[in-house]
Amino acid sequence: MQNLRKYIEWTKQINDYKTAPEVADPKAWGFEDLGQIKLPTAINLENATPGDEGYSSIRNDNLIEWAESTWPDLKCVDAKIQIQRPNEECKPHLDFLGDYLERVCESMPIMYGVLHSLEKPGLDVWRMFVAIDDHVPGQIFSINEKEWQWKSGDCIRLNNWQALHWTKNESKVDRAIIKITGIM
C-alpha cells in the first residue's frame, strides 16, 4: 500500500503491457453489465486522432457533458470515443490510470495522500464502456478471458485495476465505443 503520489510515479516508470500480465488477477471480477444507456444525440466520428494503443480517439466538450448528465454522481469525469479500425489491436493490459489520477490530484491536491494499491484501491474509480453500434463478428473485447458482446447502448463497468483486457478488430468495419472514467 502506498500513497497516490507514489502510485502515480510508479505508473510512469512501468511498461503497462509488460507489467499488467504480472499483476493482473485472473480470478477477479472482470466487468459488470450496467444495462442500456441513452447515447449522445450527436455522435461525430470524423477527425479522430490516431493513437499508438490500437485505436484512434475523439474528445470533445459535448461528450463530457453527456457523460456528466448520464452519471451525475461521478466526479472528475473524462470521456472519449475510441475507434478501432479493421486489423487494429490493443494488447492485454490493465488501466493503471496514472495520467487521469495525476489530473485529479492536481485539481484536488489532498488526494495525493490517499492510500492506494491495485488490490485495495483508495478511490472508487469507475471505468465504463458504452457501445455506439451493435457488435459485429470479429470485434473482440476480452476481459479476464470473457468476451463482451454488445448491442448499441449497452454499458459495462470494467474492473480496470485487476482484470486483464484487450481488444482486436478482425471485422471489416470500424468499432466505435465510448469510454468514460470518473470517481464515485
C-alpha atoms as a PDB file:
ATOM      1  CA  MET A   1       0.000   0.000   0.000  1.00  0.00           C
ATOM      2  CA  GLN A   2       1.365   3.393  -0.978  1.00  0.00           C
ATOM      3  CA  ASN A   3       0.010   6.895  -1.290  1.00  0.00           C
ATOM      4  CA  LEU A   4      -1.454   8.026  -4.586  1.00  0.00           C
ATOM      5  CA  ARG A   5       1.549  10.247  -5.363  1.00  0.00           C
ATOM      6  CA  LYS A   6       3.902   7.239  -5.257  1.00  0.00           C
ATOM      7  CA  TYR A   7       1.436   5.112  -7.218  1.00  0.00           C
ATOM      8  CA  ILE A   8       1.279   7.766  -9.975  1.00  0.00           C
ATOM      9  CA  GLU A   9       5.101   7.906 -10.068  1.00  0.00           C
ATOM     10  CA  TRP A  10       5.177   4.095 -10.344  1.00  0.00           C
ATOM     11  CA  THR A  11       2.792   4.172 -13.352  1.00  0.00           C
ATOM     12  CA  LYS A  12       5.233   6.476 -15.166  1.00  0.00           C
ATOM     13  CA  GLN A  13       8.114   4.020 -14.696  1.00  0.00           C
ATOM     14  CA  ILE A  14       6.472   0.828 -15.903  1.00  0.00           C
ATOM     15  CA  ASN A  15       5.626  -0.589 -19.314  1.00  0.00           C
ATOM     16  CA  ASP A  16       1.877  -1.179 -19.000  1.00  0.00           C
ATOM     17  CA  TYR A  17       1.852  -4.099 -21.433  1.00  0.00           C
ATOM     18  CA  LYS A  18       4.700  -5.918 -19.665  1.00  0.00           C
ATOM     19  CA  THR A  19       3.654  -5.175 -16.083  1.00  0.00           C
ATOM     20  CA  ALA A  20      -0.095  -5.791 -16.411  1.00  0.00           C
ATOM     21  CA  PRO A  21       0.064  -9.572 -17.020  1.00  0.00           C
ATOM     22  CA  GLU A  22       2.308  -9.893 -13.947  1.00  0.00           C
ATOM     23  CA  VAL A  23      -0.005  -8.009 -11.563  1.00  0.00           C
ATOM     24  CA  ALA A  24      -3.477  -8.764 -13.005  1.00  0.00           C
ATOM     25  CA  ASP A  25      -5.802 -11.036 -11.048  1.00  0.00           C
ATOM     26  CA  PRO A  26      -7.385 -13.604 -13.397  1.00  0.00           C
ATOM     27  CA  LYS A  27      -9.834 -14.589 -10.611  1.00  0.00           C
ATOM     28  CA  ALA A  28     -11.099 -11.033 -10.041  1.00  0.00           C
ATOM     29  CA  TRP A  29     -14.420  -9.882 -11.454  1.00  0.00           C
ATOM     30  CA  GLY A  30     -13.913  -8.613 -14.992  1.00  0.00           C
ATOM     31  CA  PHE A  31     -16.895  -6.441 -15.809  1.00  0.00           C
ATOM     32  CA  GLU A  32     -20.371  -5.610 -14.622  1.00  0.00           C
ATOM     33  CA  ASP A  33     -23.266  -5.183 -17.061  1.00  0.00           C
ATOM     34  CA  LEU A  34     -24.914  -1.802 -16.376  1.00  0.00           C
ATOM     35  CA  GLY A  35     -27.659  -2.242 -18.986  1.00  0.00           C
ATOM     36  CA  GLN A  36     -28.741   0.164 -21.699  1.00  0.00           C
ATOM     37  CA  ILE A  37     -27.628   3.807 -21.727  1.00  0.00           C
ATOM     38  CA  LYS A  38     -29.109   6.559 -23.881  1.00  0.00           C
ATOM     39  CA  LEU A  39     -26.403   7.558 -26.362  1.00  0.00           C
ATOM     40  CA  PRO A  40     -25.446  11.169 -27.020  1.00  0.00           C
ATOM     41  CA  THR A  41     -27.741  12.780 -29.595  1.00  0.00           C
ATOM     42  CA  ALA A  42     -24.967  13.819 -31.982  1.00  0.00           C
ATOM     43  CA  ILE A  43     -22.034  11.469 -32.390  1.00  0.00           C
ATOM     44  CA  ASN A  44     -19.466  12.649 -34.904  1.00  0.00           C
ATOM     45  CA  LEU A  45     -16.836  10.027 -35.708  1.00  0.00           C
ATOM     46  CA  GLU A  46     -14.863  12.254 -38.073  1.00  0.00           C
ATOM     47  CA  ASN A  47     -11.448  13.753 -37.323  1.00  0.00           C
ATOM     48  CA  ALA A  48     -10.347  11.062 -34.901  1.00  0.00           C
ATOM     49  CA  THR A  49      -6.816  11.423 -33.567  1.00  0.00           C
ATOM     50  CA  PRO A  50      -4.685   8.360 -34.381  1.00  0.00           C
ATOM     51  CA  GLY A  51      -3.210   6.673 -31.337  1.00  0.00           C
ATOM     52  CA  ASP A  52      -0.453   4.198 -30.599  1.00  0.00           C
ATOM     53  CA  GLU A  53      -2.543   1.846 -28.429  1.00  0.00           C
ATOM     54  CA  GLY A  54      -4.551   0.148 -31.177  1.00  0.00           C
ATOM     55  CA  TYR A  55      -7.275   2.713 -31.759  1.00  0.00           C
ATOM     56  CA  SER A  56      -7.996   6.336 -32.685  1.00  0.00           C
ATOM     57  CA  SER A  57      -9.904   8.647 -30.358  1.00  0.00           C
ATOM     58  CA  ILE A  58     -12.197  11.652 -30.254  1.00  0.00           C
ATOM     59  CA  ARG A  59     -12.616  14.018 -27.306  1.00  0.00           C
ATOM     60  CA  ASN A  60     -14.970  16.982 -27.085  1.00  0.00           C
ATOM     61  CA  ASP A  61     -16.958  19.004 -24.562  1.00  0.00           C
ATOM     62  CA  ASN A  62     -20.302  17.594 -25.742  1.00  0.00           C
ATOM     63  CA  LEU A  63     -19.160  14.083 -24.859  1.00  0.00           C
ATOM     64  CA  ILE A  64     -18.058  15.171 -21.362  1.00  0.00           C
ATOM     65  CA  GLU A  65     -21.370  16.999 -20.820  1.00  0.00           C
ATOM     66  CA  TRP A  66     -23.297  13.886 -21.915  1.00  0.00           C
ATOM     67  CA  ALA A  67     -21.289  11.697 -19.516  1.00  0.00           C
ATOM     68  CA  GLU A  68     -21.749  14.135 -16.624  1.00  0.00           C
ATOM     69  CA  SER A  69     -25.521  14.267 -17.161  1.00  0.00           C
ATOM     70  CA  THR A  70     -25.776  10.484 -17.590  1.00  0.00           C
ATOM     71  CA  TRP A  71     -23.784   9.801 -14.397  1.00  0.00           C
ATOM     72  CA  PRO A  72     -24.423  12.870 -12.201  1.00  0.00           C
ATOM     73  CA  ASP A  73     -22.812  11.245  -9.132  1.00  0.00           C
ATOM     74  CA  LEU A  74     -19.440  10.857 -10.884  1.00  0.00           C
ATOM     75  CA  LYS A  75     -16.738  13.432 -10.213  1.00  0.00           C
ATOM     76  CA  CYS A  76     -13.716  14.306 -12.381  1.00  0.00           C
ATOM     77  CA  VAL A  77     -15.400  12.881 -15.477  1.00  0.00           C
ATOM     78  CA  ASP A  78     -13.376  12.106 -18.582  1.00  0.00           C
ATOM     79  CA  ALA A  79     -14.881  10.684 -21.766  1.00  0.00           C
ATOM     80  CA  LYS A  80     -13.731   9.854 -25.248  1.00  0.00           C
ATOM     81  CA  ILE A  81     -14.763   7.788 -28.227  1.00  0.00           C
ATOM     82  CA  GLN A  82     -12.390   5.005 -29.213  1.00  0.00           C
ATOM     83  CA  ILE A  83     -12.475   3.907 -32.832  1.00  0.00           C
ATOM     84  CA  GLN A  84     -10.757   0.629 -33.589  1.00  0.00           C
ATOM     85  CA  ARG A  85     -10.362   0.113 -37.303  1.00  0.00           C
ATOM     86  CA  PRO A  86     -10.105  -3.294 -39.018  1.00  0.00           C
ATOM     87  CA  ASN A  87      -6.882  -5.143 -38.132  1.00  0.00           C
ATOM     88  CA  GLU A  88      -6.091  -2.865 -35.174  1.00  0.00           C
ATOM     89  CA  GLU A  89      -5.355  -4.427 -31.796  1.00  0.00           C
ATOM     90  CA  CYS A  90      -4.852  -3.234 -28.240  1.00  0.00           C
ATOM     91  CA  LYS A  91      -2.664  -5.764 -26.402  1.00  0.00           C
ATOM     92  CA  PRO A  92      -3.598  -7.239 -22.972  1.00  0.00           C
ATOM     93  CA  HIS A  93      -3.289  -4.590 -20.270  1.00  0.00           C
ATOM     94  CA  LEU A  94      -4.746  -3.037 -17.130  1.00  0.00           C
ATOM     95  CA  ASP A  95      -5.868   0.563 -16.944  1.00  0.00           C
ATOM     96  CA  PHE A  96      -3.464   1.878 -14.300  1.00  0.00           C
ATOM     97  CA  LEU A  97      -4.872   5.408 -14.842  1.00  0.00           C
ATOM     98  CA  GLY A  98      -1.710   7.289 -13.840  1.00  0.00           C
ATOM     99  CA  ASP A  99      -2.354  10.296 -16.122  1.00  0.00           C
ATOM    100  CA  TYR A 100      -6.016  10.502 -15.094  1.00  0.00           C
ATOM    101  CA  LEU A 101      -5.176  10.278 -11.387  1.00  0.00           C
ATOM    102  CA  GLU A 102      -2.492  12.913 -11.760  1.00  0.00           C
ATOM    103  CA  ARG A 103      -5.058  15.335 -13.237  1.00  0.00           C
ATOM    104  CA  VAL A 104      -7.443  14.526 -10.365  1.00  0.00           C
ATOM    105  CA  CYS A 105      -4.722  15.178  -7.786  1.00  0.00           C
ATOM    106  CA  GLU A 106      -3.680  18.429  -9.466  1.00  0.00           C
ATOM    107  CA  SER A 107      -7.238  19.701  -9.038  1.00  0.00           C
ATOM    108  CA  MET A 108      -7.546  18.237  -5.510  1.00  0.00           C
ATOM    109  CA  PRO A 109      -4.009  18.014  -4.030  1.00  0.00           C
ATOM    110  CA  ILE A 110      -5.246  16.377  -0.820  1.00  0.00           C
ATOM    111  CA  MET A 111      -5.823  13.231  -2.915  1.00  0.00           C
ATOM    112  CA  TYR A 112      -2.059  12.676  -3.260  1.00  0.00           C
ATOM    113  CA  GLY A 113      -2.060  11.299   0.290  1.00  0.00           C
ATOM    114  CA  VAL A 114      -4.795   8.704  -0.254  1.00  0.00           C
ATOM    115  CA  LEU A 115      -3.530   5.148   0.301  1.00  0.00           C
ATOM    116  CA  HIS A 116      -3.879   3.093  -2.858  1.00  0.00           C
ATOM    117  CA  SER A 117      -2.976  -0.288  -4.339  1.00  0.00           C
ATOM    118  CA  LEU A 118      -4.343  -2.392  -7.170  1.00  0.00           C
ATOM    119  CA  GLU A 119      -5.742  -4.856  -4.620  1.00  0.00           C
ATOM    120  CA  LYS A 120      -7.239  -2.140  -2.380  1.00  0.00           C
ATOM    121  CA  PRO A 121      -7.895   0.995  -4.446  1.00  0.00           C
ATOM    122  CA  GLY A 122      -8.067   4.199  -2.442  1.00  0.00           C
ATOM    123  CA  LEU A 123     -10.537   5.757  -4.873  1.00  0.00           C
ATOM    124  CA  ASP A 124     -13.759   4.328  -6.277  1.00  0.00           C
ATOM    125  CA  VAL A 125     -12.865   4.926  -9.927  1.00  0.00           C
ATOM    126  CA  TRP A 126     -15.455   3.872 -12.469  1.00  0.00           C
ATOM    127  CA  ARG A 127     -14.200   2.966 -15.958  1.00  0.00           C
ATOM    128  CA  MET A 128     -17.161   2.295 -18.244  1.00  0.00           C
ATOM    129  CA  PHE A 129     -17.669   1.488 -21.908  1.00  0.00           C
ATOM    130  CA  VAL A 130     -20.808   2.246 -23.912  1.00  0.00           C
ATOM    131  CA  ALA A 131     -21.287   0.630 -27.314  1.00  0.00           C
ATOM    132  CA  ILE A 132     -22.214   3.004 -30.108  1.00  0.00           C
ATOM    133  CA  ASP A 133     -23.113   0.318 -32.662  1.00  0.00           C
ATOM    134  CA  ASP A 134     -24.120  -3.330 -32.399  1.00  0.00           C
ATOM    135  CA  HIS A 135     -21.344  -5.901 -32.054  1.00  0.00           C
ATOM    136  CA  VAL A 136     -20.081  -7.322 -35.347  1.00  0.00           C
ATOM    137  CA  PRO A 137     -18.469 -10.769 -35.544  1.00  0.00           C
ATOM    138  CA  GLY A 138     -14.702 -10.307 -35.439  1.00  0.00           C
ATOM    139  CA  GLN A 139     -14.813  -7.385 -32.992  1.00  0.00           C
ATOM    140  CA  ILE A 140     -13.197  -8.712 -29.815  1.00  0.00           C
ATOM    141  CA  PHE A 141     -13.333  -7.128 -26.366  1.00  0.00           C
ATOM    142  CA  SER A 142     -11.929  -9.691 -23.931  1.00  0.00           C
ATOM    143  CA  ILE A 143     -11.873  -9.132 -20.153  1.00  0.00           C
ATOM    144  CA  ASN A 144     -10.259 -11.813 -17.961  1.00  0.00           C
ATOM    145  CA  GLU A 145     -10.771 -14.252 -20.848  1.00  0.00           C
ATOM    146  CA  LYS A 146     -14.517 -13.488 -21.130  1.00  0.00           C
ATOM    147  CA  GLU A 147     -15.663 -11.738 -24.299  1.00  0.00           C
ATOM    148  CA  TRP A 148     -18.158  -8.903 -24.119  1.00  0.00           C
ATOM    149  CA  GLN A 149     -20.656  -8.891 -26.983  1.00  0.00           C
ATOM    150  CA  TRP A 150     -22.893  -5.845 -27.139  1.00  0.00           C
ATOM    151  CA  LYS A 151     -25.835  -4.054 -28.680  1.00  0.00           C
ATOM    152  CA  SER A 152     -25.883  -0.323 -29.321  1.00  0.00           C
ATOM    153  CA  GLY A 153     -26.265   1.462 -25.974  1.00  0.00           C
ATOM    154  CA  ASP A 154     -25.028  -1.446 -23.832  1.00  0.00           C
ATOM    155  CA  CYS A 155     -22.830  -0.283 -20.969  1.00  0.00           C
ATOM    156  CA  ILE A 156     -20.344  -2.158 -18.806  1.00  0.00           C
ATOM    157  CA  ARG A 157     -18.175  -1.190 -15.865  1.00  0.00           C
ATOM    158  CA  LEU A 158     -14.629  -2.555 -16.124  1.00  0.00           C
ATOM    159  CA  ASN A 159     -12.505  -3.752 -13.210  1.00  0.00           C
ATOM    160  CA  ASN A 160      -9.618  -1.682 -14.558  1.00  0.00           C
ATOM    161  CA  TRP A 161      -7.299  -2.314 -11.574  1.00  0.00           C
ATOM    162  CA  GLN A 162      -7.305  -6.118 -11.770  1.00  0.00           C
ATOM    163  CA  ALA A 163      -8.933  -7.516 -14.925  1.00  0.00           C
ATOM    164  CA  LEU A 164      -6.575  -8.048 -17.846  1.00  0.00           C
ATOM    165  CA  HIS A 165      -8.326  -6.913 -21.012  1.00  0.00           C
ATOM    166  CA  TRP A 166      -7.605  -6.475 -24.702  1.00  0.00           C
ATOM    167  CA  THR A 167      -9.382  -5.630 -27.929  1.00  0.00           C
ATOM    168  CA  LYS A 168      -8.944  -6.522 -31.559  1.00  0.00           C
ATOM    169  CA  ASN A 169     -10.952  -5.756 -34.658  1.00  0.00           C
ATOM    170  CA  GLU A 170     -10.909  -8.659 -37.103  1.00  0.00           C
ATOM    171  CA  SER A 171     -14.089  -7.435 -38.815  1.00  0.00           C
ATOM    172  CA  LYS A 172     -14.293  -5.276 -41.924  1.00  0.00           C
ATOM    173  CA  VAL A 173     -15.950  -2.284 -40.177  1.00  0.00           C
ATOM    174  CA  ASP A 174     -14.788   0.247 -37.599  1.00  0.00           C
ATOM    175  CA  ARG A 175     -15.705  -0.434 -33.976  1.00  0.00           C
ATOM    176  CA  ALA A 176     -16.647   2.729 -32.062  1.00  0.00           C
ATOM    177  CA  ILE A 177     -17.174   2.744 -28.307  1.00  0.00           C
ATOM    178  CA  ILE A 178     -17.397   5.480 -25.675  1.00  0.00           C
ATOM    179  CA  LYS A 179     -15.024   5.204 -22.692  1.00  0.00           C
ATOM    180  CA  ILE A 180     -15.987   7.083 -19.527  1.00  0.00           C
ATOM    181  CA  THR A 181     -13.875   7.491 -16.389  1.00  0.00           C
ATOM    182  CA  GLY A 182     -14.946   9.122 -13.136  1.00  0.00           C
ATOM    183  CA  ILE A 183     -14.799   8.885  -9.370  1.00  0.00           C
ATOM    184  CA  MET A 184     -17.842   7.866  -7.358  1.00  0.00           C
END
